[in-house]
Amino acid sequence: MKTYYTLFQLSADATADQIETAYRRMHNELSSAGSSTEQIDRAYAVLSDPQQRRAYDARIAPARGGISRRELLLTFGGALVGLLIIGVVWALAGRTAEPELPTVGEMRRPAPAIALPGLDGETIRFSDLRGRVVLVNFWGTWCEPCKEETPALQNAYEALRDDGLVIVGVNLHRQEPDEAAIRAFAEQYNVSYPIALDVDGEAARLFQISPIPTSYFIDPAGDIRYVRVGTLTYDEVETLFLSLQQTASAHR
């Protein structure tokens, strides 16, 4: 059976580092040959996200005919985590529960102060966006997961922009110099949020992206707080936006 693991020529026990190494190697090979990277982009988006990888492993487990060592470790580790969570919930009983955040990487580092040309000829300066919650979404027209999440991003932008949400879609223009294709994509999905063009790859380098789509949530103080590798839903955007808004309000 062909799986995302066999696509990367790895076993189901592969570590995150092994998966990333295999993805980068294949991505470079395909890009150099001028071939599409859609399939490996999708596979990596799933396997690099712990939650999505667990769900994917559960789907393919019957076809593999057994449980891998990694799955046993995850099961054992999950049981321990479950016990810890029960203990924490017990200790915090009676306190007001906060909304659960989607699966994201959490950090606190200053967002790069860069300026990028916009698709409509304007200059998009990230320093001008201070004071608001900013979602920076790296994407490309060839990226299938990007196509899946764009409607959700557009809906979130329309619903939340008056409340302070800013979305900037950063197109990997260095890999896709055809602006006509970018405009056609924006028109197809009725994108109304600003689209910036990463002409020389500087934004991708400074933000340290790997696969796409990758999204960064920047708080009003200009710090990157959350990073999501893979697609976002409307509910996830709303939850992360409100979390950063509430945190900013609490520190005023």
Protein backbone atom coordinates (compact mmCIF):
# COMPACT_ATOMS: atom_id res chain seq x y z
CA MET A 1 0.00 0.00 0.00
CA LYS A 2 1.32 3.43 -0.93
CA THR A 3 1.35 5.82 2.01
CA TYR A 4 2.90 9.18 2.86
CA TYR A 5 5.70 7.21 4.53
CA THR A 6 6.49 5.13 1.45
CA LEU A 7 6.36 8.32 -0.61
CA PHE A 8 9.32 9.57 1.44
CA GLN A 9 10.86 6.07 1.48
CA LEU A 10 10.52 5.93 5.25
CA SER A 11 8.97 3.56 7.77
CA ALA A 12 6.00 4.50 9.93
CA ASP A 13 8.45 4.79 12.86
CA ALA A 14 10.30 7.69 11.21
CA THR A 15 11.18 10.59 13.46
CA ALA A 16 10.17 14.19 12.74
CA ASP A 17 13.78 14.98 11.77
CA GLN A 18 13.90 12.05 9.32
CA ILE A 19 10.63 13.15 7.72
CA GLU A 20 11.84 16.74 7.36
CA THR A 21 15.16 15.61 5.86
CA ALA A 22 13.39 13.36 3.33
CA TYR A 23 10.93 16.12 2.44
CA ARG A 24 13.65 18.73 1.87
CA ARG A 25 15.65 16.30 -0.28
CA MET A 26 12.68 15.39 -2.47
CA HIS A 27 11.48 19.01 -2.66
CA ASN A 28 14.89 20.16 -3.91
CA GLU A 29 15.06 17.30 -6.43
CA LEU A 30 11.58 17.97 -7.81
CA SER A 31 12.06 21.73 -7.89
CA SER A 32 15.37 21.35 -9.74
CA ALA A 33 13.67 19.09 -12.27
CA GLY A 34 10.79 21.51 -12.71
CA SER A 35 8.31 18.92 -11.39
CA SER A 36 5.29 19.51 -9.16
CA THR A 37 5.80 19.27 -5.39
CA GLU A 38 2.08 19.23 -4.57
CA GLN A 39 2.01 15.60 -3.44
CA ILE A 40 4.99 15.84 -1.10
CA ASP A 41 3.81 19.22 0.21
CA ARG A 42 0.51 17.63 1.21
CA ALA A 43 2.25 14.60 2.75
CA TYR A 44 4.65 16.74 4.74
CA ALA A 45 1.87 19.03 5.96
CA VAL A 46 0.20 15.97 7.50
CA LEU A 47 3.26 14.15 8.85
CA SER A 48 4.85 17.29 10.34
CA ASP A 49 1.76 18.06 12.41
CA PRO A 50 1.52 15.66 15.41
CA GLN A 51 -2.27 15.78 15.57
CA GLN A 52 -2.76 15.23 11.83
CA ARG A 53 -0.11 12.49 11.83
CA ARG A 54 -1.86 10.56 14.61
CA ALA A 55 -5.15 10.75 12.72
CA TYR A 56 -3.45 9.64 9.50
CA ASP A 57 -1.69 6.72 11.25
CA ALA A 58 -5.03 5.59 12.65
CA ARG A 59 -6.55 5.57 9.15
CA ILE A 60 -3.81 3.49 7.57
CA ALA A 61 -3.13 1.16 10.52
CA PRO A 62 -5.46 -1.68 9.38
CA ALA A 63 -3.82 -1.78 5.95
CA ARG A 64 -0.36 -1.96 7.51
CA GLY A 65 -1.39 -5.03 9.47
CA GLY A 66 0.05 -4.23 12.86
CA ILE A 67 1.09 -1.60 15.33
CA SER A 68 4.45 0.08 14.92
CA ARG A 69 6.91 0.77 17.70
CA ARG A 70 6.20 4.47 17.27
CA GLU A 71 2.48 3.90 17.72
CA LEU A 72 3.10 1.86 20.88
CA LEU A 73 5.25 4.66 22.26
CA LEU A 74 2.62 7.24 21.35
CA THR A 75 -0.07 5.15 23.02
CA PHE A 76 1.97 4.73 26.19
CA GLY A 77 2.97 8.37 26.17
CA GLY A 78 -0.64 9.37 25.55
CA ALA A 79 -1.74 7.42 28.59
CA LEU A 80 0.80 9.20 30.77
CA VAL A 81 -0.20 12.57 29.36
CA GLY A 82 -3.84 11.69 30.00
CA LEU A 83 -3.10 10.99 33.66
CA LEU A 84 -1.24 14.27 33.98
CA ILE A 85 -4.14 16.14 32.37
CA ILE A 86 -6.60 14.55 34.79
CA GLY A 87 -4.40 15.67 37.67
CA VAL A 88 -4.19 19.22 36.36
CA VAL A 89 -7.94 19.41 35.77
CA TRP A 90 -8.55 18.14 39.29
CA ALA A 91 -6.17 20.72 40.73
CA LEU A 92 -7.77 23.53 38.77
CA ALA A 93 -11.36 22.48 39.46
CA GLY A 94 -13.56 25.47 40.07
CA ARG A 95 -11.43 27.84 38.00
CA THR A 96 -12.82 29.33 34.79
CA ALA A 97 -11.75 27.25 31.81
CA GLU A 98 -10.04 29.05 28.94
CA PRO A 99 -10.82 28.16 25.30
CA GLU A 100 -8.62 25.36 24.01
CA LEU A 101 -6.16 26.52 21.37
CA PRO A 102 -5.77 24.68 18.06
CA THR A 103 -2.59 22.69 17.45
CA VAL A 104 0.07 25.35 16.89
CA GLY A 105 3.66 26.04 17.78
CA GLU A 106 3.93 28.71 20.46
CA MET A 107 6.79 31.21 20.62
CA ARG A 108 7.57 34.82 21.34
CA ARG A 109 10.03 36.48 18.99
CA PRO A 110 9.89 39.78 17.11
CA ALA A 111 8.38 39.55 13.66
CA PRO A 112 10.77 40.58 10.86
CA ALA A 113 10.41 44.27 10.07
CA ILE A 114 10.27 43.87 6.31
CA ALA A 115 8.56 45.63 3.42
CA LEU A 116 7.28 43.68 0.43
CA PRO A 117 5.76 44.76 -2.87
CA GLY A 118 2.05 44.11 -3.06
CA LEU A 119 0.24 42.48 -5.95
CA ASP A 120 -1.65 45.73 -6.58
CA GLY A 121 1.51 47.85 -6.70
CA GLU A 122 1.49 49.07 -3.11
CA THR A 123 4.24 48.45 -0.54
CA ILE A 124 3.25 46.34 2.46
CA ARG A 125 5.30 47.33 5.51
CA PHE A 126 4.94 45.05 8.49
CA SER A 127 5.91 47.88 10.82
CA ASP A 128 2.73 49.70 9.76
CA LEU A 129 0.62 46.83 11.10
CA ARG A 130 1.72 47.17 14.73
CA GLY A 131 -1.17 47.46 17.16
CA ARG A 132 -3.28 44.79 15.45
CA VAL A 133 -3.31 41.00 15.28
CA VAL A 134 -1.68 39.98 11.99
CA LEU A 135 -1.94 36.60 10.28
CA VAL A 136 0.90 36.13 7.78
CA ASN A 137 0.10 33.23 5.44
CA PHE A 138 2.78 31.85 3.08
CA TRP A 139 1.27 30.20 0.00
CA GLY A 140 1.61 29.35 -3.69
CA THR A 141 -0.89 28.75 -6.47
CA TRP A 142 0.47 25.23 -7.05
CA CYS A 143 -0.10 24.23 -3.41
CA GLU A 144 -3.23 22.08 -2.99
CA PRO A 145 -3.54 22.62 0.80
CA CYS A 146 -3.33 26.37 0.11
CA LYS A 147 -6.34 26.07 -2.17
CA GLU A 148 -8.23 24.25 0.58
CA GLU A 149 -7.63 26.87 3.26
CA THR A 150 -7.95 30.09 1.23
CA PRO A 151 -11.78 30.24 1.48
CA ALA A 152 -11.51 29.91 5.27
CA LEU A 153 -8.96 32.72 5.44
CA GLN A 154 -11.14 34.95 3.27
CA ASN A 155 -14.21 34.27 5.41
CA ALA A 156 -12.25 35.01 8.58
CA TYR A 157 -10.93 38.25 7.10
CA GLU A 158 -14.40 39.42 6.13
CA ALA A 159 -15.83 38.55 9.55
CA LEU A 160 -13.02 39.78 11.80
CA ARG A 161 -11.22 42.63 10.04
CA ASP A 162 -13.48 45.25 11.66
CA ASP A 163 -12.47 43.76 15.01
CA GLY A 164 -8.78 44.23 14.22
CA LEU A 165 -7.64 41.16 12.28
CA VAL A 166 -5.17 41.75 9.46
CA ILE A 167 -4.30 38.98 7.00
CA VAL A 168 -1.36 39.23 4.61
CA GLY A 169 -0.95 36.47 2.06
CA VAL A 170 2.73 36.18 1.15
CA ASN A 171 3.13 34.51 -2.23
CA LEU A 172 6.45 32.71 -2.84
CA HIS A 173 7.04 34.88 -5.89
CA ARG A 174 10.61 33.70 -6.33
CA GLN A 175 9.26 30.23 -7.17
CA GLU A 176 6.29 31.61 -9.07
CA PRO A 177 7.14 34.75 -11.09
CA ASP A 178 3.92 34.64 -13.15
CA GLU A 179 1.80 37.42 -11.65
CA ALA A 180 -1.06 36.57 -14.00
CA ALA A 181 -1.39 33.17 -12.28
CA ILE A 182 -1.36 34.85 -8.86
CA ARG A 183 -4.08 37.30 -9.91
CA ALA A 184 -6.17 34.47 -11.37
CA PHE A 185 -5.89 32.58 -8.06
CA ALA A 186 -6.95 35.65 -6.07
CA GLU A 187 -9.92 36.23 -8.37
CA GLN A 188 -10.99 32.57 -8.29
CA TYR A 189 -11.14 32.58 -4.48
CA ASN A 190 -12.37 36.19 -4.15
CA VAL A 191 -9.35 37.12 -2.02
CA SER A 192 -9.69 40.67 -0.71
CA TYR A 193 -6.93 40.67 1.90
CA PRO A 194 -3.52 42.08 0.82
CA ILE A 195 -1.20 39.82 -1.16
CA ALA A 196 2.53 40.47 -0.82
CA LEU A 197 5.16 39.13 -3.23
CA ASP A 198 8.28 37.53 -1.75
CA VAL A 199 10.34 38.39 -4.82
CA ASP A 200 13.80 37.35 -3.62
CA GLY A 201 12.85 34.83 -0.92
CA GLU A 202 13.85 37.19 1.89
CA ALA A 203 10.54 36.88 3.76
CA ALA A 204 10.63 33.07 3.62
CA ARG A 205 14.19 33.12 4.95
CA LEU A 206 13.48 35.53 7.80
CA PHE A 207 10.31 33.75 8.88
CA GLN A 208 12.10 30.39 8.51
CA ILE A 209 9.30 28.63 6.66
CA SER A 210 9.63 25.09 5.31
CA PRO A 211 6.54 23.62 3.62
CA ILE A 212 3.47 25.62 2.67
CA PRO A 213 0.97 26.66 3.72
CA THR A 214 2.57 28.03 6.86
CA SER A 215 0.88 30.75 8.91
CA TYR A 216 2.24 33.05 11.61
CA PHE A 217 0.11 34.94 14.12
CA ILE A 218 1.67 38.22 15.26
CA ASP A 219 0.36 39.99 18.35
CA PRO A 220 -0.29 43.76 18.56
CA ALA A 221 3.17 44.27 20.10
CA GLY A 222 4.79 42.89 16.92
CA ASP A 223 5.84 39.49 18.32
CA ILE A 224 5.23 36.16 16.58
CA ARG A 225 3.17 34.11 19.04
CA TYR A 226 1.81 31.16 17.07
CA VAL A 227 2.91 29.26 13.98
CA ARG A 228 0.82 26.70 12.12
CA VAL A 229 2.28 24.38 9.47
CA GLY A 230 -0.62 23.15 7.36
CA THR A 231 -4.12 24.37 6.68
CA LEU A 232 -6.24 26.55 8.95
CA THR A 233 -10.00 26.54 9.42
CA TYR A 234 -12.20 29.56 10.08
CA ASP A 235 -12.76 28.46 13.70
CA GLU A 236 -9.02 28.08 14.30
CA VAL A 237 -8.28 31.55 12.92
CA GLU A 238 -11.02 33.04 15.10
CA THR A 239 -9.83 31.23 18.25
CA LEU A 240 -6.20 32.30 17.82
CA PHE A 241 -7.19 35.86 16.93
CA LEU A 242 -9.39 36.23 20.01
CA SER A 243 -6.68 34.71 22.22
CA LEU A 244 -4.12 37.29 21.12
CA GLN A 245 -6.66 40.10 21.38
CA GLN A 246 -7.61 39.14 24.92
CA THR A 247 -3.97 38.77 25.96
CA ALA A 248 -3.16 42.22 24.57
CA SER A 249 -6.15 43.76 26.38
CA ALA A 250 -5.12 42.17 29.68
CA HIS A 251 -1.68 43.81 29.49
CA ARG A 252 -2.85 47.31 28.71
